[in-house]
Protein backbone atom coordinates (compact mmCIF):
# COMPACT_ATOMS: atom_id res chain seq x y z
CA UNK A 1 0.00 0.00 0.00
CA UNK A 2 2.79 2.52 0.67
CA UNK A 3 4.21 1.81 -2.79
CA UNK A 4 0.84 2.46 -4.44
CA UNK A 5 0.47 5.79 -2.63
CA UNK A 6 4.04 6.77 -3.50
CA UNK A 7 3.56 6.01 -7.20
CA UNK A 8 0.63 8.45 -7.33
CA UNK A 9 2.41 11.08 -5.21
CA UNK A 10 5.73 10.98 -7.06
CA UNK A 11 4.09 10.81 -10.48
CA UNK A 12 2.00 13.87 -9.59
CA UNK A 13 5.12 15.62 -8.28
CA UNK A 14 6.63 15.36 -11.77
CA UNK A 15 3.47 15.52 -13.90
CA UNK A 16 1.88 18.63 -12.32
CA UNK A 17 4.66 21.00 -13.43
CA UNK A 18 4.89 19.18 -16.78
CA UNK A 19 1.16 19.74 -17.30
CA UNK A 20 1.53 23.40 -16.36
CA UNK A 21 4.37 23.63 -18.91
CA UNK A 22 2.09 22.15 -21.57
CA UNK A 23 -0.30 25.07 -21.02
CA UNK A 24 2.32 27.72 -21.82
CA UNK A 25 1.14 29.83 -24.74
CA UNK A 26 4.06 28.95 -27.00
CA UNK A 27 3.75 25.18 -26.38
CA UNK A 28 0.01 24.59 -25.96
CA UNK A 29 -1.17 25.03 -29.57
CA UNK A 30 1.33 22.49 -30.88
CA UNK A 31 0.99 19.69 -28.33
CA UNK A 32 -1.54 19.94 -25.49
CA UNK A 33 -4.34 21.52 -27.55
CA UNK A 34 -4.83 18.09 -29.11
CA UNK A 35 -6.05 16.83 -25.72
CA UNK A 36 -8.44 19.77 -25.22
CA UNK A 37 -10.22 19.56 -28.58
CA UNK A 38 -13.44 18.33 -26.97
CA UNK A 39 -15.86 21.01 -25.77
CA UNK A 40 -17.25 18.67 -23.14
CA UNK A 41 -15.53 15.31 -22.85
CA UNK A 42 -18.11 12.54 -22.81
CA UNK A 43 -16.27 9.46 -24.01
CA UNK A 44 -14.43 8.72 -20.78
CA UNK A 45 -11.04 7.12 -21.33
CA UNK A 46 -11.14 7.77 -25.09
CA UNK A 47 -11.05 11.49 -24.27
CA UNK A 48 -8.58 11.06 -21.43
CA UNK A 49 -6.19 9.11 -23.66
CA UNK A 50 -6.52 11.54 -26.58
CA UNK A 51 -3.00 12.92 -26.38
CA UNK A 52 -0.35 14.13 -28.77
CA UNK A 53 2.61 11.72 -28.97
CA UNK A 54 4.91 14.27 -27.31
CA UNK A 55 2.46 14.55 -24.41
CA UNK A 56 2.45 10.74 -24.17
CA UNK A 57 6.25 10.72 -23.89
CA UNK A 58 6.19 13.41 -21.21
CA UNK A 59 3.50 11.63 -19.18
CA UNK A 60 5.08 8.19 -19.51
CA UNK A 61 8.48 9.62 -18.56
CA UNK A 62 6.96 10.99 -15.36
CA UNK A 63 5.43 7.59 -14.60
CA UNK A 64 8.62 5.70 -15.48
CA UNK A 65 10.60 7.97 -13.15
CA UNK A 66 8.04 7.48 -10.37
CA UNK A 67 8.12 3.70 -10.74
CA UNK A 68 11.92 3.62 -10.54
CA UNK A 69 12.02 5.87 -7.49
CA UNK A 70 9.35 3.84 -5.69
CA UNK A 71 11.13 0.60 -6.55
CA UNK A 72 14.28 1.93 -4.89
CA UNK A 73 12.42 3.21 -1.81
CA UNK A 74 9.97 0.42 -1.02
CA UNK A 75 10.39 -2.25 -3.66
CA UNK A 76 7.65 -2.77 -6.22
CA UNK A 77 5.39 -5.71 -6.94
CA UNK A 78 3.75 -6.29 -10.33
CA UNK A 79 0.32 -6.33 -8.63
CA UNK A 80 0.99 -2.80 -7.33
CA UNK A 81 1.79 -1.55 -10.82
CA UNK A 82 -1.33 -3.21 -12.26
CA UNK A 83 -3.46 -1.75 -9.45
CA UNK A 84 -1.99 1.69 -10.17
CA UNK A 85 -2.81 1.41 -13.89
CA UNK A 86 -6.37 0.32 -13.14
CA UNK A 87 -6.98 3.11 -10.61
CA UNK A 88 -5.33 5.67 -12.88
CA UNK A 89 -7.54 4.63 -15.81
CA UNK A 90 -10.70 4.77 -13.65
CA UNK A 91 -9.81 8.21 -12.29
CA UNK A 92 -8.96 9.51 -15.79
CA UNK A 93 -12.25 8.12 -17.09
CA UNK A 94 -14.22 9.85 -14.32
CA UNK A 95 -12.31 13.10 -14.83
CA UNK A 96 -13.19 13.12 -18.54
CA UNK A 97 -16.93 12.52 -18.36
CA UNK A 98 -19.71 15.04 -17.89
CA UNK A 99 -20.84 13.54 -14.58
PDB file of N, CA and C in Angstrom:
ATOM      1  N   UNK A   1       0.815  -1.212   0.000  1.00  0.00           N
ATOM      2  CA  UNK A   1       0.000   0.000   0.000  1.00  0.00           C
ATOM      3  C   UNK A   1       0.855   1.272   0.000  1.00  0.00           C
ATOM      4  N   UNK A   2       1.950   1.313   0.766  1.00  0.00           N
ATOM      5  CA  UNK A   2       2.790   2.521   0.674  1.00  0.00           C
ATOM      6  C   UNK A   2       3.337   2.738  -0.737  1.00  0.00           C
ATOM      7  N   UNK A   3       3.676   1.673  -1.429  1.00  0.00           N
ATOM      8  CA  UNK A   3       4.211   1.811  -2.787  1.00  0.00           C
ATOM      9  C   UNK A   3       3.157   2.398  -3.726  1.00  0.00           C
ATOM     10  N   UNK A   4       1.914   1.957  -3.589  1.00  0.00           N
ATOM     11  CA  UNK A   4       0.843   2.465  -4.441  1.00  0.00           C
ATOM     12  C   UNK A   4       0.648   3.962  -4.218  1.00  0.00           C
ATOM     13  N   UNK A   5       0.609   4.361  -2.952  1.00  0.00           N
ATOM     14  CA  UNK A   5       0.471   5.790  -2.628  1.00  0.00           C
ATOM     15  C   UNK A   5       1.649   6.579  -3.206  1.00  0.00           C
ATOM     16  N   UNK A   6       2.860   6.056  -3.021  1.00  0.00           N
ATOM     17  CA  UNK A   6       4.040   6.767  -3.496  1.00  0.00           C
ATOM     18  C   UNK A   6       4.069   6.901  -5.018  1.00  0.00           C
ATOM     19  N   UNK A   7       3.596   5.894  -5.736  1.00  0.00           N
ATOM     20  CA  UNK A   7       3.556   6.011  -7.201  1.00  0.00           C
ATOM     21  C   UNK A   7       2.700   7.208  -7.597  1.00  0.00           C
ATOM     22  N   UNK A   8       1.506   7.312  -7.001  1.00  0.00           N
ATOM     23  CA  UNK A   8       0.630   8.447  -7.327  1.00  0.00           C
ATOM     24  C   UNK A   8       1.276   9.771  -6.926  1.00  0.00           C
ATOM     25  N   UNK A   9       1.837   9.826  -5.716  1.00  0.00           N
ATOM     26  CA  UNK A   9       2.407  11.080  -5.205  1.00  0.00           C
ATOM     27  C   UNK A   9       3.611  11.530  -6.033  1.00  0.00           C
ATOM     28  N   UNK A  10       4.515  10.610  -6.324  1.00  0.00           N
ATOM     29  CA  UNK A  10       5.725  10.978  -7.064  1.00  0.00           C
ATOM     30  C   UNK A  10       5.405  11.281  -8.522  1.00  0.00           C
ATOM     31  N   UNK A  11       4.503  10.512  -9.113  1.00  0.00           N
ATOM     32  CA  UNK A  11       4.086  10.806 -10.485  1.00  0.00           C
ATOM     33  C   UNK A  11       3.472  12.198 -10.558  1.00  0.00           C
ATOM     34  N   UNK A  12       2.594  12.531  -9.615  1.00  0.00           N
ATOM     35  CA  UNK A  12       1.997  13.869  -9.591  1.00  0.00           C
ATOM     36  C   UNK A  12       3.036  14.952  -9.365  1.00  0.00           C
ATOM     37  N   UNK A  13       4.047  14.656  -8.542  1.00  0.00           N
ATOM     38  CA  UNK A  13       5.124  15.617  -8.276  1.00  0.00           C
ATOM     39  C   UNK A  13       5.806  16.023  -9.587  1.00  0.00           C
ATOM     40  N   UNK A  14       5.991  15.065 -10.482  1.00  0.00           N
ATOM     41  CA  UNK A  14       6.628  15.360 -11.768  1.00  0.00           C
ATOM     42  C   UNK A  14       5.622  15.821 -12.823  1.00  0.00           C
ATOM     43  N   UNK A  15       4.417  15.227 -12.832  1.00  0.00           N
ATOM     44  CA  UNK A  15       3.469  15.522 -13.905  1.00  0.00           C
ATOM     45  C   UNK A  15       2.802  16.889 -13.738  1.00  0.00           C
ATOM     46  N   UNK A  16       2.558  17.337 -12.519  1.00  0.00           N
ATOM     47  CA  UNK A  16       1.878  18.628 -12.320  1.00  0.00           C
ATOM     48  C   UNK A  16       2.647  19.773 -12.973  1.00  0.00           C
ATOM     49  N   UNK A  17       3.958  19.922 -12.725  1.00  0.00           N
ATOM     50  CA  UNK A  17       4.665  21.001 -13.431  1.00  0.00           C
ATOM     51  C   UNK A  17       4.770  20.757 -14.937  1.00  0.00           C
ATOM     52  N   UNK A  18       4.849  19.483 -15.340  1.00  0.00           N
ATOM     53  CA  UNK A  18       4.893  19.184 -16.776  1.00  0.00           C
ATOM     54  C   UNK A  18       3.578  19.599 -17.437  1.00  0.00           C
ATOM     55  N   UNK A  19       2.465  19.347 -16.765  1.00  0.00           N
ATOM     56  CA  UNK A  19       1.157  19.738 -17.301  1.00  0.00           C
ATOM     57  C   UNK A  19       1.038  21.253 -17.359  1.00  0.00           C
ATOM     58  N   UNK A  20       1.542  21.930 -16.348  1.00  0.00           N
ATOM     59  CA  UNK A  20       1.534  23.399 -16.359  1.00  0.00           C
ATOM     60  C   UNK A  20       2.373  23.912 -17.539  1.00  0.00           C
ATOM     61  N   UNK A  21       3.515  23.279 -17.774  1.00  0.00           N
ATOM     62  CA  UNK A  21       4.368  23.629 -18.912  1.00  0.00           C
ATOM     63  C   UNK A  21       3.616  23.468 -20.231  1.00  0.00           C
ATOM     64  N   UNK A  22       2.814  22.400 -20.335  1.00  0.00           N
ATOM     65  CA  UNK A  22       2.089  22.151 -21.574  1.00  0.00           C
ATOM     66  C   UNK A  22       1.017  23.207 -21.843  1.00  0.00           C
ATOM     67  N   UNK A  23       0.677  24.005 -20.836  1.00  0.00           N
ATOM     68  CA  UNK A  23      -0.302  25.074 -21.020  1.00  0.00           C
ATOM     69  C   UNK A  23       0.347  26.419 -21.330  1.00  0.00           C
ATOM     70  N   UNK A  24       1.671  26.473 -21.442  1.00  0.00           N
ATOM     71  CA  UNK A  24       2.324  27.725 -21.822  1.00  0.00           C
ATOM     72  C   UNK A  24       1.917  28.086 -23.245  1.00  0.00           C
ATOM     73  N   UNK A  25       1.713  29.371 -23.469  1.00  0.00           N
ATOM     74  CA  UNK A  25       1.135  29.833 -24.741  1.00  0.00           C
ATOM     75  C   UNK A  25       1.945  29.417 -25.961  1.00  0.00           C
ATOM     76  N   UNK A  26       3.237  29.303 -25.844  1.00  0.00           N
ATOM     77  CA  UNK A  26       4.061  28.947 -27.004  1.00  0.00           C
ATOM     78  C   UNK A  26       4.108  27.438 -27.243  1.00  0.00           C
ATOM     79  N   UNK A  27       3.691  26.637 -26.265  1.00  0.00           N
ATOM     80  CA  UNK A  27       3.745  25.177 -26.379  1.00  0.00           C
ATOM     81  C   UNK A  27       2.360  24.574 -26.605  1.00  0.00           C
ATOM     82  N   UNK A  28       1.365  25.137 -25.951  1.00  0.00           N
ATOM     83  CA  UNK A  28       0.005  24.593 -25.957  1.00  0.00           C
ATOM     84  C   UNK A  28      -0.561  24.316 -27.349  1.00  0.00           C
ATOM     85  N   UNK A  29      -0.504  25.271 -28.280  1.00  0.00           N
ATOM     86  CA  UNK A  29      -1.166  25.027 -29.567  1.00  0.00           C
ATOM     87  C   UNK A  29      -0.563  23.879 -30.376  1.00  0.00           C
ATOM     88  N   UNK A  30       0.657  23.521 -30.090  1.00  0.00           N
ATOM     89  CA  UNK A  30       1.330  22.490 -30.882  1.00  0.00           C
ATOM     90  C   UNK A  30       1.198  21.087 -30.288  1.00  0.00           C
ATOM     91  N   UNK A  31       0.990  21.009 -28.972  1.00  0.00           N
ATOM     92  CA  UNK A  31       0.985  19.691 -28.332  1.00  0.00           C
ATOM     93  C   UNK A  31      -0.277  19.457 -27.502  1.00  0.00           C
ATOM     94  N   UNK A  32      -0.489  20.244 -26.468  1.00  0.00           N
ATOM     95  CA  UNK A  32      -1.542  19.939 -25.495  1.00  0.00           C
ATOM     96  C   UNK A  32      -2.942  20.271 -26.006  1.00  0.00           C
ATOM     97  N   UNK A  33      -3.030  21.162 -26.990  1.00  0.00           N
ATOM     98  CA  UNK A  33      -4.337  21.523 -27.551  1.00  0.00           C
ATOM     99  C   UNK A  33      -5.046  20.286 -28.098  1.00  0.00           C
ATOM    100  N   UNK A  34      -4.278  19.343 -28.581  1.00  0.00           N
ATOM    101  CA  UNK A  34      -4.831  18.088 -29.108  1.00  0.00           C
ATOM    102  C   UNK A  34      -5.721  17.412 -28.064  1.00  0.00           C
ATOM    103  N   UNK A  35      -5.305  17.463 -26.804  1.00  0.00           N
ATOM    104  CA  UNK A  35      -6.053  16.829 -25.715  1.00  0.00           C
ATOM    105  C   UNK A  35      -7.325  17.605 -25.366  1.00  0.00           C
ATOM    106  N   UNK A  36      -7.312  18.910 -25.611  1.00  0.00           N
ATOM    107  CA  UNK A  36      -8.441  19.766 -25.222  1.00  0.00           C
ATOM    108  C   UNK A  36      -9.385  20.072 -26.388  1.00  0.00           C
ATOM    109  N   UNK A  37      -9.349  19.303 -27.438  1.00  0.00           N
ATOM    110  CA  UNK A  37     -10.217  19.559 -28.584  1.00  0.00           C
ATOM    111  C   UNK A  37     -11.696  19.402 -28.258  1.00  0.00           C
ATOM    112  N   UNK A  38     -12.035  18.564 -27.310  1.00  0.00           N
ATOM    113  CA  UNK A  38     -13.436  18.331 -26.974  1.00  0.00           C
ATOM    114  C   UNK A  38     -13.986  19.540 -26.199  1.00  0.00           C
ATOM    115  N   UNK A  39     -15.213  19.948 -26.540  1.00  0.00           N
ATOM    116  CA  UNK A  39     -15.862  21.009 -25.767  1.00  0.00           C
ATOM    117  C   UNK A  39     -16.293  20.492 -24.405  1.00  0.00           C
ATOM    118  N   UNK A  40     -16.864  19.321 -24.384  1.00  0.00           N
ATOM    119  CA  UNK A  40     -17.254  18.669 -23.137  1.00  0.00           C
ATOM    120  C   UNK A  40     -16.954  17.187 -23.293  1.00  0.00           C
ATOM    121  N   UNK A  41     -15.869  16.730 -22.694  1.00  0.00           N
ATOM    122  CA  UNK A  41     -15.532  15.313 -22.851  1.00  0.00           C
ATOM    123  C   UNK A  41     -16.654  14.410 -22.357  1.00  0.00           C
ATOM    124  N   UNK A  42     -17.019  13.452 -23.173  1.00  0.00           N
ATOM    125  CA  UNK A  42     -18.106  12.544 -22.808  1.00  0.00           C
ATOM    126  C   UNK A  42     -17.755  11.086 -23.050  1.00  0.00           C
ATOM    127  N   UNK A  43     -16.594  10.829 -23.648  1.00  0.00           N
ATOM    128  CA  UNK A  43     -16.268   9.457 -24.011  1.00  0.00           C
ATOM    129  C   UNK A  43     -15.326   8.792 -23.016  1.00  0.00           C
ATOM    130  N   UNK A  44     -15.222   9.347 -21.812  1.00  0.00           N
ATOM    131  CA  UNK A  44     -14.425   8.723 -20.779  1.00  0.00           C
ATOM    132  C   UNK A  44     -12.970   8.574 -21.151  1.00  0.00           C
ATOM    133  N   UNK A  45     -12.468   7.338 -21.120  1.00  0.00           N
ATOM    134  CA  UNK A  45     -11.040   7.119 -21.330  1.00  0.00           C
ATOM    135  C   UNK A  45     -10.597   7.446 -22.755  1.00  0.00           C
ATOM    136  N   UNK A  46     -11.510   7.373 -23.725  1.00  0.00           N
ATOM    137  CA  UNK A  46     -11.138   7.768 -25.089  1.00  0.00           C
ATOM    138  C   UNK A  46     -10.741   9.236 -25.142  1.00  0.00           C
ATOM    139  N   UNK A  47     -11.424  10.083 -24.347  1.00  0.00           N
ATOM    140  CA  UNK A  47     -11.050  11.486 -24.273  1.00  0.00           C
ATOM    141  C   UNK A  47      -9.814  11.676 -23.401  1.00  0.00           C
ATOM    142  N   UNK A  48      -9.728  10.935 -22.320  1.00  0.00           N
ATOM    143  CA  UNK A  48      -8.576  11.057 -21.427  1.00  0.00           C
ATOM    144  C   UNK A  48      -7.295  10.644 -22.139  1.00  0.00           C
ATOM    145  N   UNK A  49      -7.368   9.608 -22.959  1.00  0.00           N
ATOM    146  CA  UNK A  49      -6.195   9.111 -23.662  1.00  0.00           C
ATOM    147  C   UNK A  49      -5.922   9.788 -24.986  1.00  0.00           C
ATOM    148  N   UNK A  50      -6.710  10.797 -25.329  1.00  0.00           N
ATOM    149  CA  UNK A  50      -6.523  11.537 -26.577  1.00  0.00           C
ATOM    150  C   UNK A  50      -5.384  12.534 -26.383  1.00  0.00           C
ATOM    151  N   UNK A  51      -4.176  12.078 -26.638  1.00  0.00           N
ATOM    152  CA  UNK A  51      -3.005  12.916 -26.385  1.00  0.00           C
ATOM    153  C   UNK A  51      -2.080  12.916 -27.597  1.00  0.00           C
ATOM    154  N   UNK A  52      -1.397  14.018 -27.767  1.00  0.00           N
ATOM    155  CA  UNK A  52      -0.353  14.135 -28.772  1.00  0.00           C
ATOM    156  C   UNK A  52       0.796  13.197 -28.373  1.00  0.00           C
ATOM    157  N   UNK A  53       1.512  12.623 -29.318  1.00  0.00           N
ATOM    158  CA  UNK A  53       2.610  11.716 -28.967  1.00  0.00           C
ATOM    159  C   UNK A  53       3.660  12.343 -28.041  1.00  0.00           C
ATOM    160  N   UNK A  54       3.941  13.616 -28.209  1.00  0.00           N
ATOM    161  CA  UNK A  54       4.912  14.269 -27.313  1.00  0.00           C
ATOM    162  C   UNK A  54       4.377  14.297 -25.884  1.00  0.00           C
ATOM    163  N   UNK A  55       3.078  14.561 -25.738  1.00  0.00           N
ATOM    164  CA  UNK A  55       2.463  14.552 -24.412  1.00  0.00           C
ATOM    165  C   UNK A  55       2.514  13.150 -23.808  1.00  0.00           C
ATOM    166  N   UNK A  56       2.339  12.127 -24.641  1.00  0.00           N
ATOM    167  CA  UNK A  56       2.455  10.741 -24.172  1.00  0.00           C
ATOM    168  C   UNK A  56       3.850  10.477 -23.624  1.00  0.00           C
ATOM    169  N   UNK A  57       4.864  10.932 -24.336  1.00  0.00           N
ATOM    170  CA  UNK A  57       6.247  10.721 -23.892  1.00  0.00           C
ATOM    171  C   UNK A  57       6.497  11.443 -22.566  1.00  0.00           C
ATOM    172  N   UNK A  58       6.006  12.659 -22.455  1.00  0.00           N
ATOM    173  CA  UNK A  58       6.185  13.412 -21.210  1.00  0.00           C
ATOM    174  C   UNK A  58       5.507  12.688 -20.051  1.00  0.00           C
ATOM    175  N   UNK A  59       4.246  12.300 -20.247  1.00  0.00           N
ATOM    176  CA  UNK A  59       3.505  11.631 -19.182  1.00  0.00           C
ATOM    177  C   UNK A  59       4.102  10.286 -18.803  1.00  0.00           C
ATOM    178  N   UNK A  60       4.484   9.496 -19.797  1.00  0.00           N
ATOM    179  CA  UNK A  60       5.078   8.194 -19.508  1.00  0.00           C
ATOM    180  C   UNK A  60       6.453   8.328 -18.878  1.00  0.00           C
ATOM    181  N   UNK A  61       7.191   9.380 -19.213  1.00  0.00           N
ATOM    182  CA  UNK A  61       8.482   9.625 -18.564  1.00  0.00           C
ATOM    183  C   UNK A  61       8.295   9.941 -17.081  1.00  0.00           C
ATOM    184  N   UNK A  62       7.263  10.702 -16.766  1.00  0.00           N
ATOM    185  CA  UNK A  62       6.956  10.989 -15.355  1.00  0.00           C
ATOM    186  C   UNK A  62       6.627   9.696 -14.621  1.00  0.00           C
ATOM    187  N   UNK A  63       5.804   8.863 -15.222  1.00  0.00           N
ATOM    188  CA  UNK A  63       5.429   7.594 -14.602  1.00  0.00           C
ATOM    189  C   UNK A  63       6.633   6.673 -14.478  1.00  0.00           C
ATOM    190  N   UNK A  64       7.436   6.547 -15.501  1.00  0.00           N
ATOM    191  CA  UNK A  64       8.622   5.702 -15.482  1.00  0.00           C
ATOM    192  C   UNK A  64       9.558   6.129 -14.357  1.00  0.00           C
ATOM    193  N   UNK A  65       9.757   7.442 -14.223  1.00  0.00           N
ATOM    194  CA  UNK A  65      10.602   7.969 -13.149  1.00  0.00           C
ATOM    195  C   UNK A  65      10.007   7.618 -11.789  1.00  0.00           C
ATOM    196  N   UNK A  66       8.696   7.804 -11.640  1.00  0.00           N
ATOM    197  CA  UNK A  66       8.037   7.485 -10.373  1.00  0.00           C
ATOM    198  C   UNK A  66       8.189   6.007 -10.025  1.00  0.00           C
ATOM    199  N   UNK A  67       7.997   5.144 -11.004  1.00  0.00           N
ATOM    200  CA  UNK A  67       8.124   3.704 -10.745  1.00  0.00           C
ATOM    201  C   UNK A  67       9.538   3.333 -10.302  1.00  0.00           C
ATOM    202  N   UNK A  68      10.538   3.919 -10.919  1.00  0.00           N
ATOM    203  CA  UNK A  68      11.916   3.615 -10.536  1.00  0.00           C
ATOM    204  C   UNK A  68      12.257   4.147  -9.148  1.00  0.00           C
ATOM    205  N   UNK A  69      11.770   5.320  -8.821  1.00  0.00           N
ATOM    206  CA  UNK A  69      12.019   5.874  -7.489  1.00  0.00           C
ATOM    207  C   UNK A  69      11.340   5.020  -6.422  1.00  0.00           C
ATOM    208  N   UNK A  70      10.084   4.666  -6.654  1.00  0.00           N
ATOM    209  CA  UNK A  70       9.350   3.841  -5.685  1.00  0.00           C
ATOM    210  C   UNK A  70      10.006   2.483  -5.537  1.00  0.00           C
ATOM    211  N   UNK A  71      10.463   1.902  -6.627  1.00  0.00           N
ATOM    212  CA  UNK A  71      11.129   0.598  -6.555  1.00  0.00           C
ATOM    213  C   UNK A  71      12.370   0.662  -5.674  1.00  0.00           C
ATOM    214  N   UNK A  72      13.085   1.774  -5.730  1.00  0.00           N
ATOM    215  CA  UNK A  72      14.284   1.927  -4.885  1.00  0.00           C
ATOM    216  C   UNK A  72      13.924   2.166  -3.421  1.00  0.00           C
ATOM    217  N   UNK A  73      12.806   2.867  -3.179  1.00  0.00           N
ATOM    218  CA  UNK A  73      12.424   3.213  -1.808  1.00  0.00           C
ATOM    219  C   UNK A  73      11.766   2.036  -1.087  1.00  0.00           C
ATOM    220  N   UNK A  74      10.777   1.424  -1.717  1.00  0.00           N
ATOM    221  CA  UNK A  74       9.969   0.415  -1.021  1.00  0.00           C
ATOM    222  C   UNK A  74      10.008  -0.956  -1.674  1.00  0.00           C
ATOM    223  N   UNK A  75      10.566  -1.040  -2.868  1.00  0.00           N
ATOM    224  CA  UNK A  75      10.389  -2.247  -3.658  1.00  0.00           C
ATOM    225  C   UNK A  75       9.056  -2.126  -4.378  1.00  0.00           C
ATOM    226  N   UNK A  76       8.856  -2.933  -5.406  1.00  0.00           N
ATOM    227  CA  UNK A  76       7.652  -2.770  -6.220  1.00  0.00           C
ATOM    228  C   UNK A  76       7.212  -4.126  -6.748  1.00  0.00           C
ATOM    229  N   UNK A  77       5.966  -4.447  -6.490  1.00  0.00           N
ATOM    230  CA  UNK A  77       5.391  -5.709  -6.942  1.00  0.00           C
ATOM    231  C   UNK A  77       4.566  -5.449  -8.196  1.00  0.00           C
ATOM    232  N   UNK A  78       4.520  -6.433  -9.083  1.00  0.00           N
ATOM    233  CA  UNK A  78       3.751  -6.288 -10.326  1.00  0.00           C
ATOM    234  C   UNK A  78       2.284  -5.984 -10.038  1.00  0.00           C
ATOM    235  N   UNK A  79       1.733  -6.575  -8.983  1.00  0.00           N
ATOM    236  CA  UNK A  79       0.325  -6.328  -8.633  1.00  0.00           C
ATOM    237  C   UNK A  79       0.101  -4.867  -8.268  1.00  0.00           C
ATOM    238  N   UNK A  80       1.101  -4.221  -7.676  1.00  0.00           N
ATOM    239  CA  UNK A  80       0.987  -2.799  -7.328  1.00  0.00           C
ATOM    240  C   UNK A  80       0.947  -1.953  -8.595  1.00  0.00           C
ATOM    241  N   UNK A  81       1.769  -2.300  -9.557  1.00  0.00           N
ATOM    242  CA  UNK A  81       1.789  -1.548 -10.821  1.00  0.00           C
ATOM    243  C   UNK A  81       0.458  -1.731 -11.554  1.00  0.00           C
ATOM    244  N   UNK A  82      -0.044  -2.942 -11.598  1.00  0.00           N
ATOM    245  CA  UNK A  82      -1.332  -3.215 -12.259  1.00  0.00           C
ATOM    246  C   UNK A  82      -2.460  -2.459 -11.556  1.00  0.00           C
ATOM    247  N   UNK A  83      -2.453  -2.478 -10.219  1.00  0.00           N
ATOM    248  CA  UNK A  83      -3.462  -1.747  -9.449  1.00  0.00           C
ATOM    249  C   UNK A  83      -3.383  -0.259  -9.753  1.00  0.00           C
ATOM    250  N   UNK A  84      -2.164   0.267  -9.844  1.00  0.00           N
ATOM    251  CA  UNK A  84      -1.994   1.688 -10.166  1.00  0.00           C
ATOM    252  C   UNK A  84      -2.588   1.994 -11.540  1.00  0.00           C
ATOM    253  N   UNK A  85      -2.277   1.173 -12.546  1.00  0.00           N
ATOM    254  CA  UNK A  85      -2.807   1.410 -13.887  1.00  0.00           C
ATOM    255  C   UNK A  85      -4.336   1.363 -13.905  1.00  0.00           C
ATOM    256  N   UNK A  86      -4.910   0.421 -13.187  1.00  0.00           N
ATOM    257  CA  UNK A  86      -6.375   0.320 -13.135  1.00  0.00           C
ATOM    258  C   UNK A  86      -6.993   1.541 -12.466  1.00  0.00           C
ATOM    259  N   UNK A  87      -6.452   1.932 -11.306  1.00  0.00           N
ATOM    260  CA  UNK A  87      -6.979   3.108 -10.608  1.00  0.00           C
ATOM    261  C   UNK A  87      -6.777   4.376 -11.433  1.00  0.00           C
ATOM    262  N   UNK A  88      -5.623   4.503 -12.062  1.00  0.00           N
ATOM    263  CA  UNK A  88      -5.332   5.671 -12.877  1.00  0.00           C
ATOM    264  C   UNK A  88      -6.319   5.774 -14.045  1.00  0.00           C
ATOM    265  N   UNK A  89      -6.596   4.642 -14.690  1.00  0.00           N
ATOM    266  CA  UNK A  89      -7.544   4.632 -15.806  1.00  0.00           C
ATOM    267  C   UNK A  89      -8.948   4.998 -15.333  1.00  0.00           C
ATOM    268  N   UNK A  90      -9.367   4.453 -14.190  1.00  0.00           N
ATOM    269  CA  UNK A  90     -10.702   4.766 -13.654  1.00  0.00           C
ATOM    270  C   UNK A  90     -10.806   6.250 -13.316  1.00  0.00           C
ATOM    271  N   UNK A  91      -9.781   6.797 -12.655  1.00  0.00           N
ATOM    272  CA  UNK A  91      -9.809   8.214 -12.294  1.00  0.00           C
ATOM    273  C   UNK A  91      -9.781   9.101 -13.540  1.00  0.00           C
ATOM    274  N   UNK A  92      -8.997   8.735 -14.550  1.00  0.00           N
ATOM    275  CA  UNK A  92      -8.962   9.514 -15.795  1.00  0.00           C
ATOM    276  C   UNK A  92     -10.315   9.454 -16.492  1.00  0.00           C
ATOM    277  N   UNK A  93     -10.925   8.283 -16.489  1.00  0.00           N
ATOM    278  CA  UNK A  93     -12.248   8.124 -17.094  1.00  0.00           C
ATOM    279  C   UNK A  93     -13.265   9.027 -16.393  1.00  0.00           C
ATOM    280  N   UNK A  94     -13.273   9.014 -15.071  1.00  0.00           N
ATOM    281  CA  UNK A  94     -14.219   9.849 -14.317  1.00  0.00           C
ATOM    282  C   UNK A  94     -13.946  11.335 -14.517  1.00  0.00           C
ATOM    283  N   UNK A  95     -12.681  11.693 -14.646  1.00  0.00           N
ATOM    284  CA  UNK A  95     -12.309  13.095 -14.835  1.00  0.00           C
ATOM    285  C   UNK A  95     -12.675  13.612 -16.221  1.00  0.00           C
ATOM    286  N   UNK A  96     -12.897  12.711 -17.168  1.00  0.00           N
ATOM    287  CA  UNK A  96     -13.189  13.118 -18.536  1.00  0.00           C
ATOM    288  C   UNK A  96     -14.586  12.699 -18.973  1.00  0.00           C
ATOM    289  N   UNK A  97     -15.517  12.727 -18.034  1.00  0.00           N
ATOM    290  CA  UNK A  97     -16.930  12.520 -18.362  1.00  0.00           C
ATOM    291  C   UNK A  97     -17.697  13.754 -17.899  1.00  0.00           C
ATOM    292  N   UNK A  98     -18.930  13.868 -18.293  1.00  0.00           N
ATOM    293  CA  UNK A  98     -19.711  15.044 -17.892  1.00  0.00           C
ATOM    294  C   UNK A  98     -20.503  14.807 -16.621  1.00  0.00           C
ATOM    295  N   UNK A  99     -20.138  13.814 -15.842  1.00  0.00           N
ATOM    296  CA  UNK A  99     -20.843  13.539 -14.584  1.00  0.00           C
ATOM    297  C   UNK A  99     -20.096  14.094 -13.413  1.00  0.00           C
TER     298      UNK A  99
END
